[in-house]
Amino acid sequence: MFTLNEIIQAITGKETHFPDLLFTEAVVDSRQAVPGTLFIAAPGERTDGHKFVSSAFAAGARAALIQEDVDSDYESIDLRSCDNIDSQGLLTGEKPVCLRVNNTIAALQKIAAYHRTRLTNMRVTGITGTVGKTSTKELIYDVLSVHYRTLKTLGNMNNEIGLPLTMLRAGKETELAILEMGFYVPGEIDQLCQIALPETGVVTNVGMVHASRAGSMEVIAEGKSELVRALPADGTAILNYDDPYVRPMADLTKARVLYYGLDPAAELHACNINSRGLDGVYFDIVYRGETYPIHSPLIGRHSVMTALRAAAVGLVYGLSRDEIIYGLENSRNQLRMRLTRTFLDGILIDDTYNASPESTTAALDLLSEIPGRKIAVLGEMRELGQYEQKGHEMVGKKAAAVCDVLVAVGPVTKYMADAAIADGMNSDHVQWFATTDEASDYLINCGLKKDDAILIKGSRGMVMETIVGKLEKKA
């Protein structure tokens, strides 16, 4: 919780003595406003929050940050100048308050940073990486919640707006916060760290996604490394030993380094991996000579790396062996991957949230473990920049080793289809379509079978979920 006077002090540095209105959280969506919330009127080309201030007030928001005039019946305080704030008049408390600032997002960040400094007993773990941030965050939360009162990023709110909003949900009762940190441009993660003040940092991997903006894998790695650079000397950097871009980050941090991976050289590593498709994965975690036998309900071999990250954070915060095992084995959150059935009762793996070469390869590994004829329906992977052809060819070669049928969707997936054929896949079993409608028609009419296992995956812009909708068994 935070008060009106604390908001003003965070933004202006000045102490004020207005009636101490109390706030429970902040929102940027007026539909999420409830009594006691602070509404942030975020500017935007498609959706400008200033148009919804009245709606937020009607839903119970107690105050709004604005940077433009709005058409609403409210009291106001102008915070653009630090002079004579108190002299602007007494608030009656009968109407909501608009706080006028120069930039609402910058003001939100100041409030969150100020709030963070007041939470002296709360410790923060930051998570970054190309893929696996959200699944790692969720599993870390499941493990730490066994012992601590823990806060986590909701969904993937991991940017300059989402992280401050999450921070403002923390209270004095919060012992640990698990925060995702996304990377789009250099300096962004450093800015998030200045708000969150993490003492533990987890880096999942460095991949090709966002190369269209960042330019190269090296620039992406540099951006991700901002997290480990920001850690204090008494903190811990949890680094992927198996990733050639992540391992060298140990040289960039003052913090202690805890390596995890499948390589036995990692201080925390996994062995004896036995992935059993939909029955989860069995493996051993080894740490300083002690073995933790795990049966994770999460599916796919890639889940082992997620479990290692969660175990590493658990160890950093002093959880016992039994607590870590319990947290890993009792997680029931498969996150964005959804298992359902086709209209012929075959297995349908809906992994349509997004796609990269790394995450698609992991999904194909899972498909390989499921009985039946294996069909991969794969859309374009976008934002790969200079790695566009290489990334699609990499997935095509993997598909050739795993699939009985490959259905590639979108112009760029011609690279994928050609690579699969070049790597030995029968050309009759490789189909390419320009659109999802064409792919859906083919799948419905090509003679799907009851024992088929079908993976559907692609970047958000491909809207691959439309194929899922046409193939999925109706309730």
Protein backbone atom coordinates (compact mmCIF):
# COMPACT_ATOMS: atom_id res chain seq x y z
CA MET A 1 0.00 0.00 0.00
CA PHE A 2 1.07 3.60 -0.58
CA THR A 3 -0.38 7.03 0.12
CA LEU A 4 -1.03 10.22 -1.81
CA ASN A 5 1.74 12.06 0.05
CA GLU A 6 4.18 9.25 -0.75
CA ILE A 7 3.25 9.46 -4.43
CA ILE A 8 3.94 13.20 -4.44
CA GLN A 9 7.24 12.79 -2.60
CA ALA A 10 8.33 10.08 -5.02
CA ILE A 11 7.64 12.31 -8.03
CA THR A 12 8.80 15.68 -6.69
CA GLY A 13 11.03 14.93 -3.71
CA LYS A 14 8.86 17.23 -1.59
CA GLU A 15 6.97 16.34 1.57
CA THR A 16 3.31 17.36 1.52
CA HIS A 17 0.45 17.22 3.96
CA PHE A 18 -2.61 16.39 1.93
CA PRO A 19 -5.21 14.01 3.38
CA ASP A 20 -3.52 10.60 3.36
CA LEU A 21 -5.49 8.81 0.67
CA LEU A 22 -4.47 5.14 0.64
CA PHE A 23 -3.81 3.13 -2.54
CA THR A 24 -3.57 -0.64 -2.90
CA GLU A 25 -2.18 -0.88 -6.44
CA ALA A 26 -1.79 0.91 -9.77
CA VAL A 27 -3.32 0.03 -13.14
CA VAL A 28 -3.06 1.26 -16.72
CA ASP A 29 -6.29 -0.40 -17.85
CA SER A 30 -9.42 1.38 -16.63
CA ARG A 31 -11.28 -1.96 -16.72
CA GLN A 32 -9.03 -3.16 -13.88
CA ALA A 33 -9.73 -0.16 -11.67
CA VAL A 34 -11.37 -0.86 -8.32
CA PRO A 35 -11.81 1.27 -5.21
CA GLY A 36 -8.39 2.26 -3.93
CA THR A 37 -6.44 2.06 -7.18
CA LEU A 38 -4.20 4.64 -8.84
CA PHE A 39 -4.94 4.90 -12.57
CA ILE A 40 -2.03 5.67 -14.89
CA ALA A 41 -3.15 7.46 -18.05
CA ALA A 42 -0.49 6.02 -20.34
CA PRO A 43 -0.20 7.74 -23.72
CA GLY A 44 -0.32 5.61 -26.84
CA GLU A 45 -0.96 5.78 -30.55
CA ARG A 46 -3.74 3.19 -30.52
CA THR A 47 -5.02 3.53 -26.96
CA ASP A 48 -4.54 6.73 -25.00
CA GLY A 49 -5.27 6.28 -21.31
CA HIS A 50 -6.45 9.88 -21.00
CA LYS A 51 -9.66 8.88 -22.78
CA PHE A 52 -10.49 6.49 -19.96
CA VAL A 53 -9.87 8.57 -16.83
CA SER A 54 -13.61 9.04 -16.27
CA SER A 55 -14.17 5.29 -16.65
CA ALA A 56 -11.44 4.57 -14.11
CA PHE A 57 -12.96 7.05 -11.65
CA ALA A 58 -16.40 5.55 -12.16
CA ALA A 59 -14.96 2.12 -11.27
CA GLY A 60 -13.54 3.48 -8.02
CA ALA A 61 -10.05 4.71 -8.82
CA ARG A 62 -9.03 7.23 -6.20
CA ALA A 63 -6.56 9.18 -8.31
CA ALA A 64 -5.07 9.33 -11.79
CA LEU A 65 -1.70 10.35 -13.18
CA ILE A 66 -2.22 12.50 -16.28
CA GLN A 67 0.04 14.43 -18.64
CA GLU A 68 -2.74 16.03 -20.67
CA ASP A 69 -5.99 17.79 -19.79
CA VAL A 70 -8.89 15.41 -19.43
CA ASP A 71 -12.66 15.84 -19.56
CA SER A 72 -13.61 14.68 -16.11
CA ASP A 73 -14.98 16.07 -12.85
CA TYR A 74 -12.04 15.88 -10.45
CA GLU A 75 -9.83 17.71 -8.01
CA SER A 76 -6.28 18.32 -9.16
CA ILE A 77 -2.70 18.82 -8.05
CA ASP A 78 -0.09 20.07 -10.51
CA LEU A 79 3.23 18.32 -9.90
CA ARG A 80 5.07 19.72 -12.90
CA SER A 81 6.67 22.32 -10.62
CA CYS A 82 7.92 21.50 -7.14
CA ASP A 83 7.05 24.98 -5.87
CA ASN A 84 4.06 25.59 -3.59
CA ILE A 85 2.46 22.18 -4.04
CA ASP A 86 0.77 22.39 -0.65
CA SER A 87 -0.69 25.80 -1.45
CA GLN A 88 -2.78 24.48 -4.35
CA GLY A 89 -5.70 23.99 -1.98
CA LEU A 90 -7.12 21.42 0.36
CA LEU A 91 -8.62 18.30 -1.09
CA THR A 92 -12.20 17.71 -0.05
CA GLY A 93 -11.89 13.96 -0.45
CA GLU A 94 -15.30 13.95 -2.12
CA LYS A 95 -13.95 13.65 -5.64
CA PRO A 96 -11.06 11.70 -7.17
CA VAL A 97 -7.77 13.50 -7.78
CA CYS A 98 -5.82 14.04 -10.98
CA LEU A 99 -2.08 14.43 -10.54
CA ARG A 100 -0.64 16.40 -13.47
CA VAL A 101 2.91 15.37 -14.41
CA ASN A 102 5.19 15.83 -17.40
CA ASN A 103 5.32 12.11 -18.23
CA THR A 104 3.01 9.55 -16.66
CA ILE A 105 5.25 6.52 -17.32
CA ALA A 106 8.31 8.24 -15.85
CA ALA A 107 6.20 9.23 -12.84
CA LEU A 108 5.00 5.63 -12.43
CA GLN A 109 8.60 4.45 -12.42
CA LYS A 110 9.56 7.01 -9.78
CA ILE A 111 6.69 5.91 -7.55
CA ALA A 112 7.64 2.24 -7.92
CA ALA A 113 11.31 2.95 -7.17
CA TYR A 114 10.37 4.97 -4.09
CA HIS A 115 8.02 2.22 -2.92
CA ARG A 116 10.80 -0.36 -3.39
CA THR A 117 13.14 1.55 -1.06
CA ARG A 118 10.49 1.37 1.69
CA LEU A 119 10.30 -2.44 1.45
CA THR A 120 13.57 -3.04 3.25
CA ASN A 121 12.77 -6.64 4.17
CA MET A 122 11.80 -7.70 0.66
CA ARG A 123 14.35 -9.46 -1.53
CA VAL A 124 14.08 -9.51 -5.31
CA THR A 125 15.01 -12.07 -7.95
CA GLY A 126 15.19 -10.77 -11.52
CA ILE A 127 14.80 -13.10 -14.50
CA THR A 128 15.84 -12.41 -18.06
CA GLY A 129 16.62 -14.41 -21.19
CA THR A 130 15.37 -14.94 -24.71
CA VAL A 131 12.98 -17.79 -23.93
CA GLY A 132 11.77 -19.41 -20.74
CA LYS A 133 11.37 -16.30 -18.56
CA THR A 134 7.71 -16.84 -17.74
CA SER A 135 7.95 -20.60 -17.12
CA THR A 136 11.01 -19.98 -14.95
CA LYS A 137 9.22 -17.27 -12.98
CA GLU A 138 6.21 -19.49 -12.38
CA LEU A 139 8.25 -22.47 -11.20
CA ILE A 140 10.47 -20.32 -8.98
CA TYR A 141 7.28 -18.94 -7.44
CA ASP A 142 5.97 -22.47 -6.84
CA VAL A 143 9.21 -23.43 -5.08
CA LEU A 144 9.69 -20.29 -2.98
CA SER A 145 6.04 -20.15 -1.95
CA VAL A 146 6.59 -23.37 -0.03
CA HIS A 147 8.54 -21.30 2.51
CA TYR A 148 8.05 -17.58 1.83
CA ARG A 149 5.32 -15.02 1.17
CA THR A 150 6.13 -14.42 -2.45
CA LEU A 151 5.05 -11.96 -5.16
CA LYS A 152 5.47 -12.58 -8.89
CA THR A 153 5.06 -10.76 -12.17
CA LEU A 154 1.56 -11.31 -13.51
CA GLY A 155 1.61 -12.85 -16.97
CA ASN A 156 4.51 -11.37 -18.91
CA MET A 157 4.32 -7.80 -17.55
CA ASN A 158 8.08 -7.49 -17.81
CA ASN A 159 8.66 -4.06 -19.34
CA GLU A 160 9.00 -0.43 -18.25
CA ILE A 161 5.30 -0.34 -17.36
CA GLY A 162 4.62 -3.88 -16.17
CA LEU A 163 7.48 -4.16 -13.69
CA PRO A 164 6.62 -0.91 -11.84
CA LEU A 165 2.97 -2.00 -11.65
CA THR A 166 4.07 -5.30 -10.12
CA MET A 167 6.31 -3.51 -7.64
CA LEU A 168 3.38 -1.43 -6.43
CA ARG A 169 1.50 -4.64 -5.55
CA ALA A 170 4.19 -5.51 -2.99
CA GLY A 171 3.48 -4.84 0.65
CA LYS A 172 5.34 -5.02 3.94
CA GLU A 173 4.28 -8.66 4.21
CA THR A 174 6.07 -9.55 0.94
CA GLU A 175 9.30 -11.44 1.63
CA LEU A 176 10.40 -12.29 -1.91
CA ALA A 177 9.51 -10.86 -5.31
CA ILE A 178 10.10 -12.75 -8.57
CA LEU A 179 10.23 -10.31 -11.47
CA GLU A 180 10.61 -10.90 -15.20
CA MET A 181 12.75 -8.41 -17.08
CA GLY A 182 12.29 -8.17 -20.83
CA PHE A 183 14.83 -6.82 -23.30
CA TYR A 184 14.07 -4.80 -26.41
CA VAL A 185 16.71 -2.08 -26.47
CA PRO A 186 20.04 -1.60 -24.65
CA GLY A 187 19.63 0.05 -21.26
CA GLU A 188 16.09 -1.24 -20.64
CA ILE A 189 17.03 -3.98 -18.17
CA ASP A 190 19.39 -1.62 -16.37
CA GLN A 191 16.47 0.78 -15.91
CA LEU A 192 14.29 -2.03 -14.54
CA CYS A 193 17.06 -3.01 -12.12
CA GLN A 194 17.26 0.54 -10.81
CA ILE A 195 13.59 0.22 -9.87
CA ALA A 196 13.61 -3.37 -8.56
CA LEU A 197 17.08 -3.53 -6.93
CA PRO A 198 17.45 -7.30 -7.44
CA GLU A 199 19.93 -9.21 -5.31
CA THR A 200 19.56 -12.42 -7.33
CA GLY A 201 19.57 -12.61 -11.11
CA VAL A 202 18.67 -15.56 -13.35
CA VAL A 203 19.64 -15.64 -17.03
CA THR A 204 17.90 -18.39 -19.01
CA ASN A 205 19.60 -18.17 -22.42
CA VAL A 206 20.41 -15.94 -25.36
CA GLY A 207 18.61 -16.65 -28.62
CA MET A 208 17.70 -15.13 -31.97
CA VAL A 209 14.40 -13.47 -31.01
CA HIS A 210 14.48 -9.64 -31.19
CA ALA A 211 17.54 -9.72 -33.44
CA SER A 212 15.51 -7.66 -35.91
CA ARG A 213 15.66 -4.82 -33.37
CA ALA A 214 18.90 -5.53 -31.51
CA GLY A 215 20.89 -6.45 -34.62
CA SER A 216 22.90 -9.44 -33.42
CA MET A 217 23.20 -12.15 -30.79
CA GLU A 218 26.10 -10.25 -29.28
CA VAL A 219 23.95 -7.15 -28.73
CA ILE A 220 21.17 -9.31 -27.23
CA ALA A 221 23.68 -10.91 -24.85
CA GLU A 222 24.98 -7.49 -23.86
CA GLY A 223 21.45 -6.36 -23.08
CA LYS A 224 20.69 -9.45 -20.99
CA SER A 225 23.95 -8.98 -19.08
CA GLU A 226 22.65 -5.72 -17.63
CA LEU A 227 20.92 -7.81 -14.98
CA VAL A 228 24.08 -9.50 -13.71
CA ARG A 229 25.99 -6.22 -13.86
CA ALA A 230 23.41 -4.63 -11.55
CA LEU A 231 23.65 -7.27 -8.82
CA PRO A 232 25.34 -6.33 -5.53
CA ALA A 233 28.52 -8.00 -4.29
CA ASP A 234 26.55 -10.04 -1.76
CA GLY A 235 24.04 -11.18 -4.41
CA THR A 236 23.98 -14.22 -6.69
CA ALA A 237 24.03 -14.52 -10.48
CA ILE A 238 22.42 -17.80 -11.61
CA LEU A 239 23.83 -18.47 -15.07
CA ASN A 240 23.23 -21.10 -17.77
CA TYR A 241 26.55 -22.94 -18.06
CA ASP A 242 25.45 -24.62 -21.30
CA ASP A 243 24.83 -21.36 -23.17
CA PRO A 244 27.98 -19.92 -24.78
CA TYR A 245 26.59 -16.38 -24.54
CA VAL A 246 25.51 -16.66 -20.91
CA ARG A 247 28.48 -18.44 -19.33
CA PRO A 248 30.92 -15.52 -19.89
CA MET A 249 28.57 -13.18 -18.00
CA ALA A 250 30.30 -14.43 -14.86
CA ASP A 251 33.08 -11.98 -15.66
CA LEU A 252 30.66 -9.03 -15.66
CA THR A 253 29.24 -9.27 -12.15
CA LYS A 254 30.40 -8.51 -8.62
CA ALA A 255 28.00 -11.15 -7.30
CA ARG A 256 28.65 -14.77 -6.54
CA VAL A 257 28.05 -17.00 -9.59
CA LEU A 258 26.01 -20.20 -9.43
CA TYR A 259 26.16 -22.12 -12.71
CA TYR A 260 23.38 -24.53 -13.68
CA GLY A 261 23.04 -26.79 -16.71
CA LEU A 262 23.19 -30.30 -18.09
CA ASP A 263 26.97 -30.21 -18.27
CA PRO A 264 28.39 -31.97 -15.17
CA ALA A 265 30.88 -29.11 -14.87
CA ALA A 266 28.03 -26.87 -13.68
CA GLU A 267 27.82 -26.56 -9.90
CA LEU A 268 24.11 -27.43 -10.13
CA HIS A 269 23.33 -29.90 -12.89
CA ALA A 270 20.85 -32.54 -13.98
CA CYS A 271 21.46 -36.10 -15.07
CA ASN A 272 19.59 -39.37 -15.68
CA ILE A 273 16.90 -37.51 -17.60
CA ASN A 274 13.93 -39.64 -18.63
CA SER A 275 11.22 -37.63 -20.35
CA ARG A 276 7.96 -39.58 -20.58
CA GLY A 277 5.86 -37.36 -22.79
CA LEU A 278 2.59 -36.40 -21.14
CA ASP A 279 3.62 -38.17 -17.93
CA GLY A 280 6.22 -35.50 -17.19
CA VAL A 281 9.95 -35.89 -16.81
CA TYR A 282 12.11 -37.81 -14.33
CA PHE A 283 15.65 -36.68 -13.54
CA ASP A 284 18.21 -36.16 -10.81
CA ILE A 285 19.52 -32.78 -9.68
CA VAL A 286 23.07 -32.86 -8.35
CA TYR A 287 24.42 -30.11 -6.10
CA ARG A 288 27.63 -30.31 -4.09
CA GLY A 289 27.56 -34.07 -3.97
CA GLU A 290 23.90 -34.35 -2.99
CA THR A 291 21.28 -35.80 -5.33
CA TYR A 292 17.67 -34.59 -5.57
CA PRO A 293 15.48 -37.16 -7.41
CA ILE A 294 12.68 -35.33 -9.22
CA HIS A 295 9.51 -36.33 -11.03
CA SER A 296 8.26 -33.08 -12.55
CA PRO A 297 4.72 -32.93 -13.94
CA LEU A 298 5.97 -30.35 -16.47
CA ILE A 299 6.29 -31.90 -19.89
CA GLY A 300 9.33 -31.99 -22.17
CA ARG A 301 13.07 -32.27 -21.66
CA HIS A 302 13.37 -28.48 -21.77
CA SER A 303 11.50 -28.39 -18.44
CA VAL A 304 14.62 -29.77 -16.77
CA MET A 305 16.45 -26.48 -17.29
CA THR A 306 13.47 -24.60 -15.87
CA ALA A 307 13.55 -26.86 -12.81
CA LEU A 308 17.28 -26.27 -12.36
CA ARG A 309 16.72 -22.50 -12.27
CA ALA A 310 13.97 -22.85 -9.70
CA ALA A 311 16.09 -25.18 -7.58
CA ALA A 312 19.00 -22.75 -7.79
CA VAL A 313 16.91 -19.86 -6.47
CA GLY A 314 15.54 -22.12 -3.75
CA LEU A 315 19.08 -22.95 -2.67
CA VAL A 316 20.07 -19.28 -2.66
CA TYR A 317 17.21 -18.50 -0.28
CA GLY A 318 17.94 -21.39 2.03
CA LEU A 319 15.16 -23.82 1.23
CA SER A 320 15.70 -27.39 2.37
CA ARG A 321 16.12 -30.33 0.02
CA ASP A 322 12.59 -31.53 0.80
CA GLU A 323 11.07 -28.09 0.24
CA ILE A 324 12.72 -27.77 -3.17
CA ILE A 325 11.62 -31.26 -4.23
CA TYR A 326 8.06 -30.58 -3.02
CA GLY A 327 7.86 -27.29 -4.93
CA LEU A 328 9.16 -28.82 -8.16
CA GLU A 329 6.98 -31.91 -8.01
CA ASN A 330 3.75 -30.18 -7.08
CA SER A 331 3.71 -27.47 -9.73
CA ARG A 332 0.70 -27.91 -12.00
CA ASN A 333 1.27 -24.95 -14.25
CA GLN A 334 2.04 -25.87 -17.86
CA LEU A 335 1.85 -22.18 -18.73
CA ARG A 336 1.22 -21.30 -22.33
CA MET A 337 1.41 -24.82 -23.73
CA ARG A 338 -2.07 -26.34 -23.70
CA LEU A 339 -2.92 -29.98 -24.25
CA THR A 340 -6.29 -30.73 -25.83
CA ARG A 341 -7.86 -33.14 -28.32
CA THR A 342 -8.60 -33.02 -32.03
CA PHE A 343 -12.08 -33.63 -33.41
CA LEU A 344 -10.87 -37.20 -34.04
CA ASP A 345 -9.64 -37.51 -30.44
CA GLY A 346 -5.95 -37.25 -31.30
CA ILE A 347 -3.56 -35.29 -29.08
CA LEU A 348 -3.32 -31.58 -29.91
CA ILE A 349 -0.46 -29.54 -28.44
CA ASP A 350 -1.46 -25.89 -28.57
CA ASP A 351 1.79 -23.92 -28.22
CA THR A 352 0.65 -20.95 -30.25
CA TYR A 353 1.54 -18.15 -27.83
CA ASN A 354 4.81 -17.36 -29.62
CA ALA A 355 7.80 -19.00 -31.27
CA SER A 356 11.55 -18.81 -31.65
CA PRO A 357 14.02 -21.36 -33.06
CA GLU A 358 14.93 -22.38 -29.51
CA SER A 359 11.39 -22.79 -28.18
CA THR A 360 10.20 -24.53 -31.35
CA THR A 361 13.05 -27.03 -31.16
CA ALA A 362 12.08 -27.75 -27.54
CA ALA A 363 8.44 -28.25 -28.56
CA LEU A 364 9.53 -30.69 -31.28
CA ASP A 365 11.47 -32.64 -28.66
CA LEU A 366 8.25 -33.02 -26.72
CA LEU A 367 6.36 -34.09 -29.84
CA SER A 368 8.96 -36.81 -30.40
CA GLU A 369 8.08 -38.36 -27.02
CA ILE A 370 4.34 -38.71 -27.68
CA PRO A 371 3.03 -41.93 -29.26
CA GLY A 372 1.32 -41.84 -32.63
CA ARG A 373 1.92 -40.21 -35.99
CA LYS A 374 3.69 -36.91 -35.35
CA ILE A 375 2.51 -33.85 -37.23
CA ALA A 376 4.14 -30.43 -36.73
CA VAL A 377 2.21 -27.40 -37.93
CA LEU A 378 4.70 -24.56 -37.71
CA GLY A 379 4.22 -20.91 -38.59
CA GLU A 380 6.79 -18.21 -39.20
CA MET A 381 9.13 -17.18 -36.40
CA ARG A 382 9.40 -13.43 -36.57
CA GLU A 383 11.81 -10.73 -35.33
CA LEU A 384 14.84 -12.89 -36.19
CA GLY A 385 16.53 -10.20 -38.27
CA GLN A 386 19.71 -11.47 -39.90
CA TYR A 387 19.03 -14.95 -38.46
CA GLU A 388 15.70 -15.38 -40.28
CA GLN A 389 16.88 -17.97 -42.80
CA LYS A 390 19.23 -19.73 -40.37
CA GLY A 391 16.57 -20.00 -37.67
CA HIS A 392 13.93 -21.47 -39.98
CA GLU A 393 16.41 -23.90 -41.51
CA MET A 394 17.46 -25.04 -38.03
CA VAL A 395 13.85 -25.87 -37.17
CA GLY A 396 13.33 -27.59 -40.53
CA LYS A 397 16.25 -29.94 -39.86
CA LYS A 398 14.90 -30.73 -36.40
CA ALA A 399 11.46 -31.43 -37.87
CA ALA A 400 13.01 -33.87 -40.36
CA ALA A 401 14.42 -35.87 -37.45
CA VAL A 402 11.19 -35.85 -35.42
CA CYS A 403 8.08 -35.57 -37.59
CA ASP A 404 6.12 -37.84 -39.87
CA VAL A 405 4.45 -34.78 -41.41
CA LEU A 406 5.56 -31.13 -41.49
CA VAL A 407 3.07 -28.41 -42.36
CA ALA A 408 4.85 -25.06 -42.77
CA VAL A 409 2.74 -21.90 -42.76
CA GLY A 410 3.79 -18.46 -44.04
CA PRO A 411 6.12 -17.20 -46.80
CA VAL A 412 9.33 -17.39 -44.76
CA THR A 413 8.73 -21.01 -43.75
CA LYS A 414 9.79 -22.07 -47.24
CA TYR A 415 13.28 -22.09 -45.70
CA MET A 416 11.99 -24.54 -43.11
CA ALA A 417 10.29 -26.82 -45.61
CA ASP A 418 13.29 -26.88 -47.95
CA ALA A 419 15.67 -27.63 -45.08
CA ALA A 420 13.51 -30.56 -43.91
CA ILE A 421 13.53 -32.09 -47.40
CA ALA A 422 17.27 -31.48 -47.80
CA ASP A 423 17.82 -33.26 -44.49
CA GLY A 424 16.08 -36.40 -45.74
CA MET A 425 12.38 -35.89 -45.06
CA ASN A 426 10.14 -37.31 -47.78
CA SER A 427 8.92 -34.36 -49.85
CA ASP A 428 5.42 -35.90 -49.95
CA HIS A 429 5.30 -35.43 -46.19
CA VAL A 430 6.25 -31.76 -46.29
CA GLN A 431 3.47 -29.30 -47.04
CA TRP A 432 3.84 -25.53 -47.37
CA PHE A 433 0.98 -23.02 -47.27
CA ALA A 434 0.93 -19.25 -47.43
CA THR A 435 -1.96 -18.84 -44.98
CA THR A 436 -3.45 -20.48 -41.90
CA ASP A 437 -6.77 -21.00 -43.74
CA GLU A 438 -5.03 -23.07 -46.42
CA ALA A 439 -3.20 -25.07 -43.77
CA SER A 440 -6.43 -25.70 -41.84
CA ASP A 441 -8.23 -26.91 -44.96
CA TYR A 442 -5.39 -29.31 -45.74
CA LEU A 443 -5.30 -30.73 -42.22
CA ILE A 444 -9.07 -31.24 -42.05
CA ASN A 445 -9.20 -32.95 -45.43
CA CYS A 446 -5.90 -34.85 -45.53
CA GLY A 447 -7.10 -37.75 -43.40
CA LEU A 448 -6.13 -37.06 -39.81
CA LYS A 449 -6.15 -40.17 -37.64
CA LYS A 450 -7.27 -40.92 -34.12
CA ASP A 451 -3.73 -41.60 -32.88
CA ASP A 452 -2.17 -38.46 -34.39
CA ALA A 453 -0.15 -36.15 -32.17
CA ILE A 454 -0.23 -32.63 -33.59
CA LEU A 455 1.95 -29.69 -32.51
CA ILE A 456 0.84 -26.21 -33.54
CA LYS A 457 3.26 -23.34 -32.98
CA GLY A 458 4.24 -19.99 -34.50
CA SER A 459 4.83 -16.34 -33.76
CA ARG A 460 1.93 -14.29 -32.44
CA GLY A 461 1.51 -12.45 -35.71
CA MET A 462 0.75 -15.73 -37.51
CA VAL A 463 -2.42 -16.25 -35.41
CA MET A 464 -1.86 -20.01 -35.40
CA GLU A 465 -4.60 -20.42 -32.80
CA THR A 466 -7.09 -20.19 -35.66
CA ILE A 467 -5.86 -23.60 -36.79
CA VAL A 468 -6.29 -24.93 -33.26
CA GLY A 469 -9.87 -23.67 -33.26
CA LYS A 470 -10.70 -25.59 -36.41
CA LEU A 471 -9.06 -28.85 -35.33
CA GLU A 472 -9.98 -28.87 -31.65
CA LYS A 473 -12.66 -31.20 -30.37
CA LYS A 474 -15.71 -29.18 -29.45
CA ALA A 475 -17.14 -29.57 -25.95
